[in-house]
Amino acid sequence: MVYDLIIIGGGPAAMSAGIYAARKKLKTLLLAKSLGGQPTEAWEIENYLGMEKISGPDLAQKFIAHLKKFSADIEIKEGEGAEKIEKTGYGAFEVNAGKNKYLAKTIIVATGSTPRKLNIPGEDKFLGRGVVFCATCDAPLFAKKRVAVIGAGNSGMDAALQLTKYAEKIYLINKYPDLTKGDIAYAEQVKSSSLIEILNNSLPKEIKGDRFVSGLIIENSQTKETRELSVEGVFVEIGSLPSLQFLAGLVEYNQKGEIVINPKNNMASQPGIFAAGDATDIPHKQIIIAAGEGAKAALSTYYYLTKN
């Protein structure tokens, strides 16, 4: 069987693309290691149109339920992801998903991104033993404990605010002079919290401990002075990177490793391959933007197929 379209990913961009492809009656397969994507890691979302305030997992469940209403028009395979994509001799693409291989006329890559690491001593050693990459998943484990959050963009401030429900003390480690890398509304909430201490111009240098995390060494980037914080948890919130090894050089990337797309139609440098969401070079990584980009990619795929 040759599909009209294979969508790779399970987040807002992929699910939105799936809904629009189903509505256009494209023979579509969606491959997702899991459905939900990054919204499942968000504590509260207040900027998604029509949802004044909703938890990330609840919003993700609404997306999934909406997608599955189109199950008669789109084939969904959870637990499968692309390991390699190759162009065949007759114009289609072969997607190697491990045990299975699939053929499609077009591809939409919407795999999102994975957390960026600090690459400092102790990070790998204490992963799962105090070093955390998902505040929504693990914040309750740090009830009445002292923790540090590395990163003061939206994800870092969101994590710090989540932790105010549980932790005794939160240090927010910010490498910039002030909270200028995220939404003003988040910054105001963080600054008004009595539980959050903001440490500006600070860089993490080493995570210490025995069996579990017991401290974090930071350095002031201005004075070069070091300080050890007594903490039992380190939440890493410094952004993310796309995981696109499976494309095997088929498309052009930017310096961040993101897929370069035509902003008008979401097509990558390889005709027939489209991309949407955080895996692309669009400048704003927001749920509502990813969903819109997924819809745009699916519509562009439909028009591409009608012309070719």
Protein backbone atom coordinates (compact mmCIF):
# COMPACT_ATOMS: atom_id res chain seq x y z
CA MET A 1 0.00 0.00 0.00
CA VAL A 2 1.15 3.51 -0.81
CA TYR A 3 -0.28 6.22 1.45
CA ASP A 4 -0.92 9.71 0.21
CA LEU A 5 0.65 11.02 3.40
CA ILE A 6 2.56 9.80 6.42
CA ILE A 7 2.64 12.13 9.44
CA ILE A 8 5.46 11.54 11.91
CA GLY A 9 4.87 12.80 15.44
CA GLY A 10 2.23 12.88 18.13
CA GLY A 11 2.07 16.47 19.39
CA PRO A 12 -0.23 19.39 18.51
CA ALA A 13 1.30 19.94 15.05
CA ALA A 14 1.01 16.26 14.10
CA MET A 15 -2.53 15.85 15.43
CA SER A 16 -3.72 19.04 13.76
CA ALA A 17 -2.18 17.88 10.49
CA GLY A 18 -3.94 14.54 10.93
CA ILE A 19 -7.35 16.15 11.37
CA TYR A 20 -6.94 18.36 8.30
CA ALA A 21 -5.58 15.50 6.18
CA ALA A 22 -8.55 13.33 7.20
CA ARG A 23 -10.97 16.11 6.29
CA LYS A 24 -9.38 16.26 2.84
CA LYS A 25 -9.80 12.48 2.51
CA LEU A 26 -6.10 11.82 2.03
CA LYS A 27 -5.06 8.23 2.65
CA THR A 28 -3.08 9.05 5.78
CA LEU A 29 -0.97 7.17 8.31
CA LEU A 30 0.13 8.84 11.56
CA LEU A 31 3.13 7.32 13.33
CA ALA A 32 3.51 8.44 16.95
CA LYS A 33 5.64 6.98 19.71
CA SER A 34 2.97 8.50 21.95
CA LEU A 35 0.14 10.99 21.48
CA GLY A 36 0.04 14.25 23.37
CA GLY A 37 3.41 15.88 22.88
CA GLN A 38 4.80 18.71 25.00
CA PRO A 39 1.42 19.92 26.33
CA THR A 40 1.42 16.86 28.58
CA GLU A 41 4.38 18.45 30.42
CA ALA A 42 2.78 21.88 30.96
CA TRP A 43 1.24 22.68 34.34
CA GLU A 44 -1.30 25.31 33.29
CA ILE A 45 -1.98 26.86 29.89
CA GLU A 46 -3.62 30.28 29.78
CA ASN A 47 -2.89 31.37 26.20
CA TYR A 48 -4.69 28.79 24.05
CA LEU A 49 -7.66 30.36 22.27
CA GLY A 50 -10.96 29.36 23.85
CA MET A 51 -9.31 27.91 26.96
CA GLU A 52 -8.93 30.59 29.63
CA LYS A 53 -7.06 28.15 31.85
CA ILE A 54 -6.48 24.44 31.36
CA SER A 55 -3.84 21.95 32.44
CA GLY A 56 -1.46 20.71 29.75
CA PRO A 57 -2.51 17.05 30.09
CA ASP A 58 -6.20 18.01 29.85
CA LEU A 59 -5.60 20.04 26.69
CA ALA A 60 -3.61 17.17 25.19
CA GLN A 61 -6.49 14.78 25.91
CA LYS A 62 -8.88 17.10 24.09
CA PHE A 63 -6.55 17.08 21.08
CA ILE A 64 -6.31 13.28 21.14
CA ALA A 65 -10.08 12.82 21.45
CA HIS A 66 -10.64 15.20 18.52
CA LEU A 67 -8.10 13.36 16.37
CA LYS A 68 -9.62 9.95 17.13
CA LYS A 69 -13.04 11.12 15.95
CA PHE A 70 -11.48 10.86 12.50
CA SER A 71 -10.25 7.29 13.03
CA ALA A 72 -12.31 6.13 10.05
CA ASP A 73 -10.29 8.45 7.80
CA ILE A 74 -6.81 8.26 9.32
CA GLU A 75 -4.77 5.25 10.42
CA ILE A 76 -2.98 5.85 13.72
CA LYS A 77 -0.12 3.64 14.89
CA GLU A 78 0.99 4.49 18.42
CA GLY A 79 4.32 3.15 19.63
CA GLU A 80 5.95 3.54 16.23
CA GLY A 81 8.30 6.26 15.06
CA ALA A 82 10.46 6.82 12.03
CA GLU A 83 13.98 5.38 12.19
CA LYS A 84 14.91 6.28 8.62
CA ILE A 85 13.29 7.87 5.58
CA GLU A 86 14.55 7.26 2.08
CA LYS A 87 13.37 8.39 -1.31
CA THR A 88 12.52 5.49 -3.61
CA GLY A 89 13.31 5.29 -7.29
CA TYR A 90 9.73 5.99 -8.32
CA GLY A 91 9.15 9.20 -6.39
CA ALA A 92 7.63 7.90 -3.16
CA PHE A 93 9.23 7.85 0.30
CA GLU A 94 9.93 4.74 2.33
CA VAL A 95 9.58 5.14 6.08
CA ASN A 96 11.43 2.56 8.14
CA ALA A 97 9.67 2.32 11.50
CA GLY A 98 11.71 -0.59 12.84
CA LYS A 99 9.65 -3.75 12.44
CA ASN A 100 7.52 -2.18 9.72
CA LYS A 101 8.14 -0.19 6.56
CA TYR A 102 5.63 2.10 4.86
CA LEU A 103 5.44 3.92 1.54
CA ALA A 104 3.96 7.39 1.01
CA LYS A 105 3.78 10.02 -1.67
CA THR A 106 4.35 12.79 0.88
CA ILE A 107 5.64 13.19 4.46
CA ILE A 108 4.88 15.67 7.24
CA VAL A 109 7.53 15.74 9.96
CA ALA A 110 6.12 17.02 13.25
CA THR A 111 8.31 15.34 15.83
CA GLY A 112 8.78 18.33 18.11
CA SER A 113 11.98 18.47 20.13
CA THR A 114 13.76 16.90 23.10
CA PRO A 115 15.07 18.67 26.22
CA ARG A 116 18.45 20.38 25.97
CA LYS A 117 21.02 19.19 28.52
CA LEU A 118 23.34 21.26 30.71
CA ASN A 119 26.39 19.08 30.02
CA ILE A 120 27.90 19.72 33.45
CA PRO A 121 29.38 17.25 35.97
CA GLY A 122 26.75 15.31 37.88
CA GLU A 123 23.90 15.79 35.38
CA ASP A 124 24.00 12.28 33.93
CA LYS A 125 25.01 10.68 37.23
CA PHE A 126 21.94 11.98 39.05
CA LEU A 127 19.42 11.68 36.24
CA GLY A 128 16.30 10.25 37.88
CA ARG A 129 17.88 10.78 41.29
CA GLY A 130 17.20 14.47 41.62
CA VAL A 131 17.91 15.73 38.10
CA VAL A 132 14.58 16.27 36.35
CA PHE A 133 13.52 17.38 32.85
CA CYS A 134 9.75 17.39 33.42
CA ALA A 135 8.32 19.49 36.24
CA THR A 136 4.76 18.41 35.50
CA CYS A 137 5.76 14.76 35.81
CA ASP A 138 7.93 14.97 38.92
CA ALA A 139 7.16 18.15 40.89
CA PRO A 140 5.01 16.27 43.47
CA LEU A 141 8.05 14.14 44.37
CA PHE A 142 9.75 17.22 45.82
CA ALA A 143 7.16 18.15 48.43
CA LYS A 144 8.72 20.20 51.27
CA LYS A 145 12.14 20.05 49.61
CA ARG A 146 14.53 22.70 48.31
CA VAL A 147 15.02 22.70 44.55
CA ALA A 148 16.69 24.67 41.76
CA VAL A 149 15.24 25.41 38.34
CA ILE A 150 17.81 26.06 35.61
CA GLY A 151 16.50 28.42 32.94
CA ALA A 152 14.31 31.49 33.15
CA GLY A 153 12.42 31.45 29.86
CA ASN A 154 8.75 30.45 29.78
CA SER A 155 9.48 26.78 30.53
CA GLY A 156 11.72 27.64 33.48
CA MET A 157 9.29 30.10 35.00
CA ASP A 158 6.40 27.68 34.44
CA ALA A 159 8.36 24.96 36.24
CA ALA A 160 9.16 27.29 39.16
CA LEU A 161 5.49 28.23 39.50
CA GLN A 162 4.44 24.57 39.42
CA LEU A 163 6.90 23.83 42.20
CA THR A 164 5.38 26.49 44.48
CA LYS A 165 2.56 23.97 45.05
CA TYR A 166 5.02 21.50 46.57
CA ALA A 167 8.56 22.69 47.31
CA GLU A 168 9.76 24.49 50.42
CA LYS A 169 12.14 26.74 48.47
CA ILE A 170 12.82 27.29 44.74
CA TYR A 171 15.97 28.87 43.33
CA LEU A 172 15.45 30.12 39.76
CA ILE A 173 18.86 30.16 38.04
CA ASN A 174 18.89 32.82 35.32
CA LYS A 175 21.97 33.49 33.21
CA TYR A 176 20.63 36.89 32.16
CA PRO A 177 20.53 40.13 34.21
CA ASP A 178 16.73 39.96 34.54
CA LEU A 179 13.67 37.92 33.54
CA THR A 180 13.48 39.13 29.97
CA LYS A 181 13.32 35.86 27.98
CA GLY A 182 9.73 34.91 28.70
CA ASP A 183 6.21 36.28 28.99
CA ILE A 184 5.77 39.32 31.21
CA ALA A 185 2.80 37.67 32.94
CA TYR A 186 4.96 34.72 33.99
CA ALA A 187 7.74 37.03 35.19
CA GLU A 188 5.35 39.02 37.36
CA GLN A 189 4.01 35.84 38.99
CA VAL A 190 7.53 34.56 39.65
CA LYS A 191 8.71 37.85 41.16
CA SER A 192 5.68 38.02 43.44
CA SER A 193 6.18 34.50 44.87
CA SER A 194 7.71 34.36 48.36
CA LEU A 195 8.97 30.83 47.67
CA ILE A 196 11.03 31.68 44.57
CA GLU A 197 14.46 33.28 44.84
CA ILE A 198 15.73 34.56 41.48
CA LEU A 199 19.49 34.33 40.99
CA ASN A 200 20.36 36.45 37.95
CA ASN A 201 23.68 36.38 36.07
CA SER A 202 24.14 32.81 37.33
CA LEU A 203 25.44 29.71 35.59
CA PRO A 204 25.23 26.10 36.82
CA LYS A 205 28.64 24.48 37.14
CA GLU A 206 28.22 21.15 38.94
CA ILE A 207 25.52 18.98 40.49
CA LYS A 208 26.70 17.28 43.68
CA GLY A 209 25.48 14.46 45.86
CA ASP A 210 26.05 10.92 47.05
CA ARG A 211 23.24 8.61 45.98
CA PHE A 212 20.91 11.54 45.30
CA VAL A 213 21.31 15.24 44.56
CA SER A 214 22.31 17.30 47.58
CA GLY A 215 23.73 20.47 46.06
CA LEU A 216 24.22 22.67 43.01
CA ILE A 217 27.28 24.83 42.42
CA ILE A 218 26.59 28.05 40.51
CA GLU A 219 28.89 30.82 39.29
CA ASN A 220 28.08 34.51 39.00
CA SER A 221 28.97 35.45 35.44
CA GLN A 222 29.88 39.00 36.49
CA THR A 223 31.97 38.45 39.62
CA LYS A 224 33.06 34.84 38.88
CA GLU A 225 32.24 33.97 42.48
CA THR A 226 30.89 30.47 43.11
CA ARG A 227 28.22 29.40 45.55
CA GLU A 228 26.82 26.03 46.54
CA LEU A 229 23.05 25.79 46.93
CA SER A 230 21.68 23.10 49.23
CA VAL A 231 19.01 21.47 47.05
CA GLU A 232 17.56 18.01 46.59
CA GLY A 233 16.26 18.56 43.07
CA VAL A 234 17.54 20.23 39.89
CA PHE A 235 14.96 20.91 37.20
CA VAL A 236 16.57 21.52 33.79
CA GLU A 237 14.49 23.91 31.69
CA ILE A 238 16.85 25.40 29.10
CA GLY A 239 14.96 24.65 25.92
CA SER A 240 14.99 21.72 23.56
CA LEU A 241 16.48 20.35 20.36
CA PRO A 242 14.80 18.61 17.42
CA SER A 243 15.50 14.89 16.93
CA LEU A 244 15.66 14.46 13.18
CA GLN A 245 18.38 11.88 12.52
CA PHE A 246 15.87 9.72 10.65
CA LEU A 247 15.78 12.19 7.75
CA ALA A 248 19.34 11.18 6.82
CA GLY A 249 20.25 14.44 5.10
CA LEU A 250 17.15 14.60 2.92
CA VAL A 251 16.37 18.19 3.96
CA GLU A 252 18.13 21.43 4.83
CA TYR A 253 18.66 22.36 8.48
CA ASN A 254 19.53 25.63 10.18
CA GLN A 255 22.30 26.08 12.76
CA LYS A 256 19.98 24.85 15.52
CA GLY A 257 19.33 21.60 13.68
CA GLU A 258 15.76 22.62 12.80
CA ILE A 259 14.18 21.89 9.42
CA VAL A 260 14.20 24.93 7.16
CA ILE A 261 10.75 25.34 5.61
CA ASN A 262 9.07 27.66 3.14
CA PRO A 263 6.85 29.69 5.51
CA LYS A 264 4.12 29.94 2.88
CA ASN A 265 3.53 26.20 2.48
CA ASN A 266 5.71 24.42 5.10
CA MET A 267 7.62 22.48 2.43
CA ALA A 268 11.20 21.51 3.24
CA SER A 269 14.02 21.66 0.71
CA GLN A 270 13.07 18.15 -0.49
CA PRO A 271 9.86 18.29 -2.60
CA GLY A 272 7.18 16.15 -1.01
CA ILE A 273 8.49 16.54 2.53
CA PHE A 274 6.69 19.07 4.72
CA ALA A 275 7.28 19.92 8.36
CA ALA A 276 5.43 21.67 11.16
CA GLY A 277 5.83 22.72 14.78
CA ASP A 278 8.92 22.84 16.96
CA ALA A 279 10.99 20.68 14.58
CA THR A 280 11.04 23.58 12.10
CA ASP A 281 12.75 26.96 11.98
CA ILE A 282 9.61 28.93 12.85
CA PRO A 283 10.68 31.45 15.51
CA HIS A 284 7.90 31.03 18.07
CA LYS A 285 7.48 27.69 19.86
CA GLN A 286 3.89 27.83 21.13
CA ILE A 287 1.14 25.21 21.20
CA ILE A 288 -1.31 27.33 19.26
CA ILE A 289 1.31 28.09 16.60
CA ALA A 290 2.26 24.41 16.28
CA ALA A 291 -1.40 23.48 15.78
CA GLY A 292 -1.79 26.15 13.10
CA GLU A 293 1.41 25.07 11.37
CA GLY A 294 0.19 21.47 11.34
CA ALA A 295 -3.04 22.52 9.65
CA LYS A 296 -1.11 24.60 7.12
CA ALA A 297 1.24 21.72 6.34
CA ALA A 298 -1.66 19.33 5.73
CA LEU A 299 -3.47 21.75 3.44
CA SER A 300 -0.23 22.41 1.55
CA THR A 301 0.29 18.66 1.18
CA TYR A 302 -3.21 18.29 -0.25
CA TYR A 303 -2.62 21.00 -2.87
CA TYR A 304 0.80 19.55 -3.67
CA LEU A 305 -0.74 16.15 -4.35
CA THR A 306 -3.51 17.58 -6.54
CA LYS A 307 -0.88 19.29 -8.73
CA ASN A 308 1.48 16.32 -8.88
